[in-house]
Amino acid sequence: MVEVTFDVMQSCAIAALVVLLGRWMVKRSKFLQTYCIPGVIVCGLIVSIVLSLLRNNGVLIVNFDIKVLREFFMDIFFTAIGLTASYKLIKNAGGKLLLGITITTVGSILIQNIVGILLTKPLGLHPLLGLGLGSLSLMGGVGTAGAIAPLYEELGATNAVVISVMGATFGMIFASLVGGPVSRWLIKRHKLSANVEEVDASKQGGENALPLNAKSMMGSVALVIISAGLGSYIALAAGMIPAIEFPYFVGCMLGGVIIRNILDLTSYEVREAEVDALGSITLDLFIAMIMMTIDVTKLASVAGPFVVILACQIILMALWVAFVTFNLCGKDYNAAVMTAAHVGIGLGSGPNAMANMRAVISEYGPANVAWVVFTPFALIVLDIFNPIFCTVVAPWVASLW
């Protein structure tokens, strides 16, 4: 068997090629565009399938030196998320609505994991795979799944990475298939309608964008790195607490949260567009490195249980948003549109949420509050609570095996 090894720079170049080819595929596929499936996942999945088949048939083994860069990109991505958690930016939405979004987001994380863990026993799976096919992958996405699932493998859950990543991948497909229909059902059932005086927030926001230049971009890059540096000390300190597995990237994220809210008390302007861009770039490269190195053939051994758990999670999310999210968020037209967004982030990602809302709004009219408030705030709650929860409870869940 032939064996090929790529060094760190060559491996990074291949990951970048996966990202670019993925974008090229999305531009030429209406299906991928409609269901908001990231091209990096599609291309990375193709690469992983090909390499897995070559390896398992004794033809070729390909080794990538990605450990250090993969961890670095992951830490920077979560730091960028932390820097979006501005108290000033979210408090204007109203305390009651924000409380409702927080409760339904955290509640859906907990119920997904409870259902996932309970299903593993009759299906003969390690209980940590219940977390892997719960909020870790479905609400956390490929990035969070790829970051935390290796811990599950260390705790005894065989193939946790590939199962979790595949859960996140298929979840994104169903996120767009389910979200719109649930929202439309609520609108028709409760005879809801849009407020014609609302201004669609999707038409705003780009008018005051500042031009990109090296000086300002360097300021944003430095801000993210400094925040990650602060977060590293948080991670090291938290790691000294007995019986708690505190991942490095969560410390980086908390560093971003602290820095952002300190800067909000000053006149310093955090250029969110640049921070988001940096986060998106590092996320794509991190996902590419995860996808192109997993062995998808390992999923064959749990294909049946995988389908059962995923189907149950899809039904659960549809019921949760219809009877919990809708009621907690006001029981009006905006709340109905928010259910489409919650399905988007509950099974897929932020882009799924926005695509679901756009589909409903285009048919029934503008929903300014839902468009502006729900997804950003829910993602802040989700991105902070979910990785910490899925990490902290892992040792206890593993003890159930």
Protein backbone atom coordinates (compact mmCIF):
# COMPACT_ATOMS: atom_id res chain seq x y z
CA MET A 1 0.00 0.00 0.00
CA VAL A 2 1.26 3.46 -0.92
CA GLU A 3 1.48 6.01 1.91
CA VAL A 4 1.67 9.77 1.35
CA THR A 5 2.27 12.41 4.04
CA PHE A 6 1.64 16.13 3.65
CA ASP A 7 3.37 18.61 5.97
CA VAL A 8 1.57 21.42 7.77
CA MET A 9 1.70 23.95 4.92
CA GLN A 10 0.73 21.40 2.29
CA SER A 11 -2.14 20.19 4.46
CA CYS A 12 -3.37 23.74 4.94
CA ALA A 13 -3.18 24.33 1.19
CA ILE A 14 -5.32 21.25 0.56
CA ALA A 15 -7.85 22.46 3.15
CA ALA A 16 -8.00 25.84 1.39
CA LEU A 17 -8.54 24.04 -1.92
CA VAL A 18 -11.43 22.11 -0.36
CA VAL A 19 -13.00 25.42 0.72
CA LEU A 20 -12.67 26.98 -2.74
CA LEU A 21 -13.92 23.90 -4.59
CA GLY A 22 -16.84 23.72 -2.18
CA ARG A 23 -17.84 27.31 -2.98
CA TRP A 24 -17.56 26.54 -6.69
CA MET A 25 -19.91 23.58 -6.24
CA VAL A 26 -22.48 25.65 -4.35
CA LYS A 27 -22.54 28.31 -7.10
CA ARG A 28 -23.46 25.60 -9.59
CA SER A 29 -25.97 23.67 -7.50
CA LYS A 30 -29.48 24.97 -6.88
CA PHE A 31 -30.04 22.19 -4.33
CA LEU A 32 -27.06 23.24 -2.21
CA GLN A 33 -28.14 26.88 -2.39
CA THR A 34 -31.77 26.13 -1.53
CA TYR A 35 -30.96 24.09 1.56
CA CYS A 36 -28.05 26.27 2.70
CA ILE A 37 -25.56 23.39 2.70
CA PRO A 38 -22.01 24.75 3.03
CA GLY A 39 -19.82 23.83 0.11
CA VAL A 40 -16.88 23.05 2.40
CA ILE A 41 -18.91 20.22 3.92
CA VAL A 42 -19.91 18.79 0.56
CA CYS A 43 -16.41 18.93 -0.91
CA GLY A 44 -14.81 17.77 2.32
CA LEU A 45 -17.24 14.86 2.47
CA ILE A 46 -16.35 13.82 -1.08
CA VAL A 47 -12.64 13.94 -0.24
CA SER A 48 -13.16 11.90 2.93
CA ILE A 49 -15.22 9.26 1.10
CA VAL A 50 -12.60 8.86 -1.62
CA LEU A 51 -9.69 8.68 0.83
CA SER A 52 -11.60 6.28 3.12
CA LEU A 53 -12.35 3.91 0.25
CA LEU A 54 -8.73 4.00 -0.96
CA ARG A 55 -7.44 3.34 2.56
CA ASN A 56 -9.89 0.54 3.37
CA ASN A 57 -9.20 -1.20 0.05
CA GLY A 58 -5.45 -1.17 0.62
CA VAL A 59 -4.64 1.27 -2.19
CA LEU A 60 -3.48 4.50 -0.56
CA ILE A 61 -3.01 6.05 2.88
CA VAL A 62 -2.90 9.85 3.08
CA ASN A 63 -1.65 11.56 6.23
CA PHE A 64 -2.22 15.25 6.98
CA ASP A 65 -0.25 17.29 9.52
CA ILE A 66 -3.15 19.44 10.72
CA LYS A 67 -3.29 19.06 14.50
CA VAL A 68 -1.77 22.43 15.44
CA LEU A 69 -3.48 24.49 12.72
CA ARG A 70 -6.82 22.78 13.28
CA GLU A 71 -6.77 23.70 16.95
CA PHE A 72 -5.63 27.24 16.17
CA PHE A 73 -8.39 27.88 13.64
CA MET A 74 -10.96 26.43 16.03
CA ASP A 75 -9.81 28.67 18.89
CA ILE A 76 -9.90 31.79 16.71
CA PHE A 77 -13.38 30.94 15.45
CA PHE A 78 -14.81 30.61 18.96
CA THR A 79 -13.02 33.77 20.06
CA ALA A 80 -14.75 35.65 17.23
CA ILE A 81 -18.09 34.29 18.45
CA GLY A 82 -17.33 35.61 21.93
CA LEU A 83 -16.63 39.07 20.53
CA THR A 84 -20.20 39.26 19.16
CA ALA A 85 -21.73 38.82 22.63
CA SER A 86 -22.37 42.50 23.29
CA TYR A 87 -24.78 43.30 26.11
CA LYS A 88 -25.51 46.72 24.63
CA LEU A 89 -26.47 45.30 21.26
CA ILE A 90 -29.02 42.82 22.59
CA LYS A 91 -30.65 44.59 25.52
CA ASN A 92 -32.73 46.87 23.27
CA ALA A 93 -34.79 43.92 22.04
CA GLY A 94 -36.76 43.76 25.28
CA GLY A 95 -36.19 41.69 28.36
CA LYS A 96 -39.28 39.50 28.06
CA LEU A 97 -38.53 38.41 24.50
CA LEU A 98 -34.84 37.81 25.23
CA LEU A 99 -35.80 35.73 28.27
CA GLY A 100 -38.17 33.69 26.13
CA ILE A 101 -35.49 33.11 23.48
CA THR A 102 -33.00 32.11 26.17
CA ILE A 103 -35.39 29.64 27.82
CA THR A 104 -36.46 27.98 24.58
CA THR A 105 -32.88 27.79 23.25
CA VAL A 106 -31.44 26.29 26.43
CA GLY A 107 -34.49 24.06 26.81
CA SER A 108 -34.12 22.66 23.31
CA ILE A 109 -30.45 21.92 23.97
CA LEU A 110 -31.32 19.99 27.11
CA ILE A 111 -34.25 18.06 25.60
CA GLN A 112 -32.24 17.09 22.51
CA ASN A 113 -29.54 15.60 24.69
CA ILE A 114 -31.97 13.83 27.01
CA VAL A 115 -33.75 12.20 24.07
CA GLY A 116 -30.45 11.32 22.39
CA ILE A 117 -29.04 9.67 25.52
CA LEU A 118 -32.28 7.78 26.27
CA LEU A 119 -32.34 6.35 22.74
CA THR A 120 -28.78 5.04 22.89
CA LYS A 121 -29.53 2.29 25.41
CA PRO A 122 -32.20 0.38 23.43
CA LEU A 123 -30.15 0.91 20.27
CA GLY A 124 -26.97 -0.44 21.88
CA LEU A 125 -24.89 2.70 21.50
CA HIS A 126 -22.52 4.46 23.87
CA PRO A 127 -24.49 7.21 25.71
CA LEU A 128 -22.02 9.86 24.59
CA LEU A 129 -23.22 9.25 21.04
CA GLY A 130 -26.58 10.52 22.30
CA LEU A 131 -24.88 13.85 22.94
CA GLY A 132 -23.07 13.53 19.62
CA LEU A 133 -26.43 13.16 17.84
CA GLY A 134 -28.03 15.69 20.16
CA SER A 135 -27.24 19.36 20.58
CA LEU A 136 -23.51 18.84 20.01
CA SER A 137 -24.03 18.28 16.29
CA LEU A 138 -27.56 19.45 15.55
CA MET A 139 -27.37 22.78 17.35
CA GLY A 140 -23.61 23.10 17.49
CA GLY A 141 -22.93 22.24 13.87
CA VAL A 142 -19.88 20.68 12.29
CA GLY A 143 -17.49 23.09 14.01
CA THR A 144 -18.61 22.29 17.55
CA ALA A 145 -18.98 18.59 16.76
CA GLY A 146 -15.46 18.43 15.37
CA ALA A 147 -14.12 20.32 18.38
CA ILE A 148 -15.72 18.30 21.19
CA ALA A 149 -16.37 14.84 19.73
CA PRO A 150 -12.67 13.82 20.06
CA LEU A 151 -13.16 14.13 23.83
CA TYR A 152 -16.03 11.65 23.58
CA GLU A 153 -13.76 9.19 21.79
CA GLU A 154 -11.21 9.55 24.59
CA LEU A 155 -14.00 8.72 27.04
CA GLY A 156 -14.88 5.54 25.17
CA ALA A 157 -17.39 6.51 22.46
CA THR A 158 -15.96 4.86 19.35
CA ASN A 159 -16.34 6.84 16.10
CA ALA A 160 -17.91 9.79 17.92
CA VAL A 161 -16.29 12.30 15.53
CA VAL A 162 -17.58 10.83 12.29
CA ILE A 163 -21.05 10.15 13.73
CA SER A 164 -21.36 13.66 15.17
CA VAL A 165 -20.09 15.35 12.02
CA MET A 166 -22.48 13.33 9.86
CA GLY A 167 -25.32 14.23 12.23
CA ALA A 168 -24.53 17.92 11.75
CA THR A 169 -24.32 17.47 7.98
CA PHE A 170 -27.66 15.71 7.54
CA GLY A 171 -29.24 18.00 10.13
CA MET A 172 -28.61 21.02 7.90
CA ILE A 173 -30.59 19.41 5.10
CA PHE A 174 -33.64 18.75 7.25
CA ALA A 175 -33.37 22.16 8.94
CA SER A 176 -34.46 23.82 5.73
CA LEU A 177 -37.01 21.14 4.83
CA VAL A 178 -38.86 21.38 8.18
CA GLY A 179 -38.58 25.02 9.34
CA GLY A 180 -40.77 26.71 6.74
CA PRO A 181 -43.68 24.21 6.88
CA VAL A 182 -43.89 24.43 10.70
CA SER A 183 -44.02 28.23 10.57
CA ARG A 184 -46.65 28.22 7.82
CA TRP A 185 -48.78 25.75 9.82
CA LEU A 186 -48.74 28.07 12.84
CA ILE A 187 -49.60 31.11 10.74
CA LYS A 188 -52.60 29.38 9.18
CA ARG A 189 -53.76 27.70 12.37
CA HIS A 190 -53.75 30.91 14.40
CA LYS A 191 -54.77 33.12 11.43
CA LEU A 192 -51.77 35.40 11.85
CA SER A 193 -50.67 38.18 9.55
CA ALA A 194 -47.77 40.58 9.23
CA ASN A 195 -47.85 44.19 10.35
CA VAL A 196 -47.74 46.05 7.04
CA GLU A 197 -46.02 49.02 8.69
CA GLU A 198 -42.98 46.98 9.67
CA VAL A 199 -39.82 47.64 7.72
CA ASP A 200 -38.02 44.51 6.65
CA ALA A 201 -34.69 44.66 8.46
CA SER A 202 -33.06 42.57 5.76
CA LYS A 203 -33.12 45.66 3.53
CA GLN A 204 -31.14 47.65 6.05
CA GLY A 205 -27.68 47.45 7.52
CA GLY A 206 -25.45 47.68 4.47
CA GLU A 207 -25.70 51.40 3.87
CA ASN A 208 -23.23 52.42 6.56
CA ALA A 209 -20.63 49.74 5.92
CA LEU A 210 -17.05 50.96 6.22
CA PRO A 211 -14.49 50.18 3.50
CA LEU A 212 -11.97 47.42 4.12
CA ASN A 213 -8.38 48.52 4.67
CA ALA A 214 -5.26 46.93 6.11
CA LYS A 215 -5.08 49.22 9.14
CA SER A 216 -8.59 48.54 10.41
CA MET A 217 -8.37 44.84 9.56
CA MET A 218 -5.13 44.53 11.51
CA GLY A 219 -6.90 46.10 14.46
CA SER A 220 -9.64 43.47 14.31
CA VAL A 221 -7.15 40.62 13.88
CA ALA A 222 -5.13 41.88 16.85
CA LEU A 223 -8.31 42.21 18.93
CA VAL A 224 -9.30 38.60 18.24
CA ILE A 225 -5.81 37.28 19.02
CA ILE A 226 -5.53 39.31 22.23
CA SER A 227 -8.96 38.04 23.30
CA ALA A 228 -7.86 34.48 22.59
CA GLY A 229 -4.72 35.08 24.63
CA LEU A 230 -6.81 36.23 27.59
CA GLY A 231 -9.08 33.25 27.11
CA SER A 232 -6.14 30.87 27.22
CA TYR A 233 -5.52 31.87 30.84
CA ILE A 234 -9.20 31.33 31.61
CA ALA A 235 -8.96 27.84 30.12
CA LEU A 236 -5.80 27.05 32.08
CA ALA A 237 -7.36 28.26 35.33
CA ALA A 238 -10.61 26.37 34.76
CA GLY A 239 -8.64 23.26 33.86
CA MET A 240 -7.33 23.15 37.42
CA ILE A 241 -10.84 22.53 38.75
CA PRO A 242 -11.18 18.82 39.62
CA ALA A 243 -13.66 16.65 37.67
CA ILE A 244 -14.29 19.27 34.97
CA GLU A 245 -13.15 18.91 31.37
CA PHE A 246 -12.79 22.54 30.27
CA PRO A 247 -11.78 22.85 26.61
CA TYR A 248 -9.25 25.45 25.55
CA PHE A 249 -11.54 26.94 22.90
CA VAL A 250 -14.28 27.67 25.45
CA GLY A 251 -11.78 29.75 27.41
CA CYS A 252 -10.96 31.64 24.21
CA MET A 253 -14.64 32.29 23.61
CA LEU A 254 -15.09 33.63 27.15
CA GLY A 255 -12.07 35.84 26.60
CA GLY A 256 -13.86 37.34 23.62
CA VAL A 257 -17.02 37.93 25.67
CA ILE A 258 -15.06 39.74 28.40
CA ILE A 259 -13.06 41.91 26.00
CA ARG A 260 -16.15 42.87 23.99
CA ASN A 261 -18.16 44.02 26.97
CA ILE A 262 -15.21 45.94 28.42
CA LEU A 263 -14.75 47.74 25.11
CA ASP A 264 -18.45 48.56 24.99
CA LEU A 265 -17.86 50.74 28.06
CA THR A 266 -15.29 52.75 26.11
CA SER A 267 -15.28 54.62 22.80
CA TYR A 268 -13.45 51.79 21.01
CA GLU A 269 -15.40 50.50 18.02
CA VAL A 270 -15.44 46.77 17.43
CA ARG A 271 -15.79 46.28 13.69
CA GLU A 272 -18.13 43.31 13.76
CA ALA A 273 -18.04 42.73 10.02
CA GLU A 274 -14.28 42.16 10.15
CA VAL A 275 -14.51 39.97 13.25
CA ASP A 276 -17.27 37.92 11.62
CA ALA A 277 -15.21 37.60 8.45
CA LEU A 278 -12.21 36.33 10.41
CA GLY A 279 -14.44 33.88 12.25
CA SER A 280 -15.97 32.63 8.99
CA ILE A 281 -12.57 32.15 7.35
CA THR A 282 -11.14 30.16 10.25
CA LEU A 283 -14.35 28.12 10.57
CA ASP A 284 -14.23 27.11 6.90
CA LEU A 285 -10.60 26.02 7.16
CA PHE A 286 -11.27 24.17 10.42
CA ILE A 287 -14.27 22.34 8.93
CA ALA A 288 -12.29 21.46 5.81
CA MET A 289 -9.57 19.89 7.96
CA ILE A 290 -12.17 17.95 9.96
CA MET A 291 -14.13 16.73 6.95
CA MET A 292 -11.20 15.64 4.80
CA THR A 293 -9.68 13.52 7.58
CA ILE A 294 -12.70 11.58 8.89
CA ASP A 295 -13.33 7.97 7.86
CA VAL A 296 -16.98 7.99 6.77
CA THR A 297 -17.01 4.21 6.27
CA LYS A 298 -17.10 3.88 10.06
CA LEU A 299 -20.69 5.17 9.96
CA ALA A 300 -21.85 1.94 8.32
CA SER A 301 -21.72 0.06 11.63
CA VAL A 302 -24.33 2.36 13.21
CA ALA A 303 -26.38 3.34 10.15
CA GLY A 304 -29.69 2.01 11.53
CA PRO A 305 -29.46 3.66 14.98
CA PHE A 306 -28.16 6.84 13.33
CA VAL A 307 -31.30 7.13 11.20
CA VAL A 308 -33.61 6.36 14.15
CA ILE A 309 -32.06 8.99 16.45
CA LEU A 310 -31.91 11.64 13.72
CA ALA A 311 -35.58 11.05 12.79
CA CYS A 312 -36.63 11.36 16.42
CA GLN A 313 -34.64 14.59 16.82
CA ILE A 314 -36.29 16.10 13.73
CA ILE A 315 -39.79 15.32 15.05
CA LEU A 316 -38.83 16.59 18.50
CA MET A 317 -37.59 19.93 17.14
CA ALA A 318 -40.74 20.48 15.08
CA LEU A 319 -42.93 19.86 18.14
CA TRP A 320 -40.71 21.96 20.43
CA VAL A 321 -40.82 25.10 18.30
CA ALA A 322 -44.56 24.74 17.65
CA PHE A 323 -45.56 24.40 21.30
CA VAL A 324 -42.70 26.02 23.25
CA THR A 325 -40.86 28.60 21.14
CA PHE A 326 -44.07 30.00 19.64
CA ASN A 327 -45.67 30.51 23.06
CA LEU A 328 -42.57 31.87 24.80
CA CYS A 329 -41.86 34.38 22.04
CA GLY A 330 -45.24 36.08 21.97
CA LYS A 331 -47.72 33.84 20.08
CA ASP A 332 -47.93 36.38 17.25
CA TYR A 333 -46.79 36.54 13.62
CA ASN A 334 -43.21 37.38 14.59
CA ALA A 335 -43.19 34.40 16.95
CA ALA A 336 -44.36 32.12 14.13
CA VAL A 337 -41.50 33.35 11.95
CA MET A 338 -39.12 32.76 14.87
CA THR A 339 -40.12 29.09 14.92
CA ALA A 340 -38.74 28.73 11.38
CA ALA A 341 -35.49 30.27 12.58
CA HIS A 342 -35.35 28.00 15.64
CA VAL A 343 -35.71 24.90 13.48
CA GLY A 344 -32.87 26.33 11.40
CA ILE A 345 -30.45 26.61 14.31
CA GLY A 346 -31.92 23.59 16.11
CA LEU A 347 -31.09 21.20 13.29
CA GLY A 348 -28.68 23.19 11.17
CA SER A 349 -27.02 26.59 11.44
CA GLY A 350 -27.45 30.36 11.33
CA PRO A 351 -27.71 30.45 7.51
CA ASN A 352 -30.46 27.81 7.69
CA ALA A 353 -32.33 30.00 10.18
CA MET A 354 -32.10 33.11 7.98
CA ALA A 355 -33.06 31.15 4.85
CA ASN A 356 -36.11 29.70 6.61
CA MET A 357 -37.27 33.12 7.78
CA ARG A 358 -36.70 34.63 4.35
CA ALA A 359 -38.92 31.97 2.77
CA VAL A 360 -41.76 32.65 5.22
CA ILE A 361 -41.41 36.45 5.03
CA SER A 362 -41.43 36.41 1.24
CA GLU A 363 -44.81 34.66 1.34
CA TYR A 364 -46.57 36.27 4.30
CA GLY A 365 -44.88 39.65 4.79
CA PRO A 366 -42.15 41.30 6.88
CA ALA A 367 -41.33 40.27 10.46
CA ASN A 368 -38.80 42.85 11.59
CA VAL A 369 -38.46 41.70 15.20
CA ALA A 370 -37.95 38.06 14.24
CA TRP A 371 -35.46 38.95 11.52
CA VAL A 372 -33.33 41.27 13.64
CA VAL A 373 -33.47 39.68 17.09
CA PHE A 374 -34.02 35.94 17.15
CA THR A 375 -31.12 34.38 15.27
CA PRO A 376 -28.29 36.61 16.57
CA PHE A 377 -29.39 36.36 20.19
CA ALA A 378 -30.26 32.66 20.06
CA LEU A 379 -26.87 31.93 18.50
CA ILE A 380 -25.11 33.85 21.27
CA VAL A 381 -26.94 31.80 23.92
CA LEU A 382 -26.39 28.61 21.95
CA ASP A 383 -22.72 29.14 21.16
CA ILE A 384 -21.88 29.92 24.77
CA PHE A 385 -24.06 27.40 26.62
CA ASN A 386 -23.96 24.41 24.27
CA PRO A 387 -20.20 23.70 24.05
CA ILE A 388 -19.74 24.22 27.78
CA PHE A 389 -22.66 21.94 28.63
CA CYS A 390 -21.68 19.20 26.14
CA THR A 391 -18.16 19.21 27.57
CA VAL A 392 -18.87 19.45 31.29
CA VAL A 393 -21.47 16.64 31.35
CA ALA A 394 -19.41 14.30 29.15
CA PRO A 395 -17.58 12.43 31.97
CA TRP A 396 -20.86 11.86 33.83
CA VAL A 397 -22.65 10.66 30.69
CA ALA A 398 -19.73 8.34 29.89
CA SER A 399 -20.12 6.76 33.34
CA LEU A 400 -23.58 5.55 32.30
CA TRP A 401 -21.99 3.08 29.88
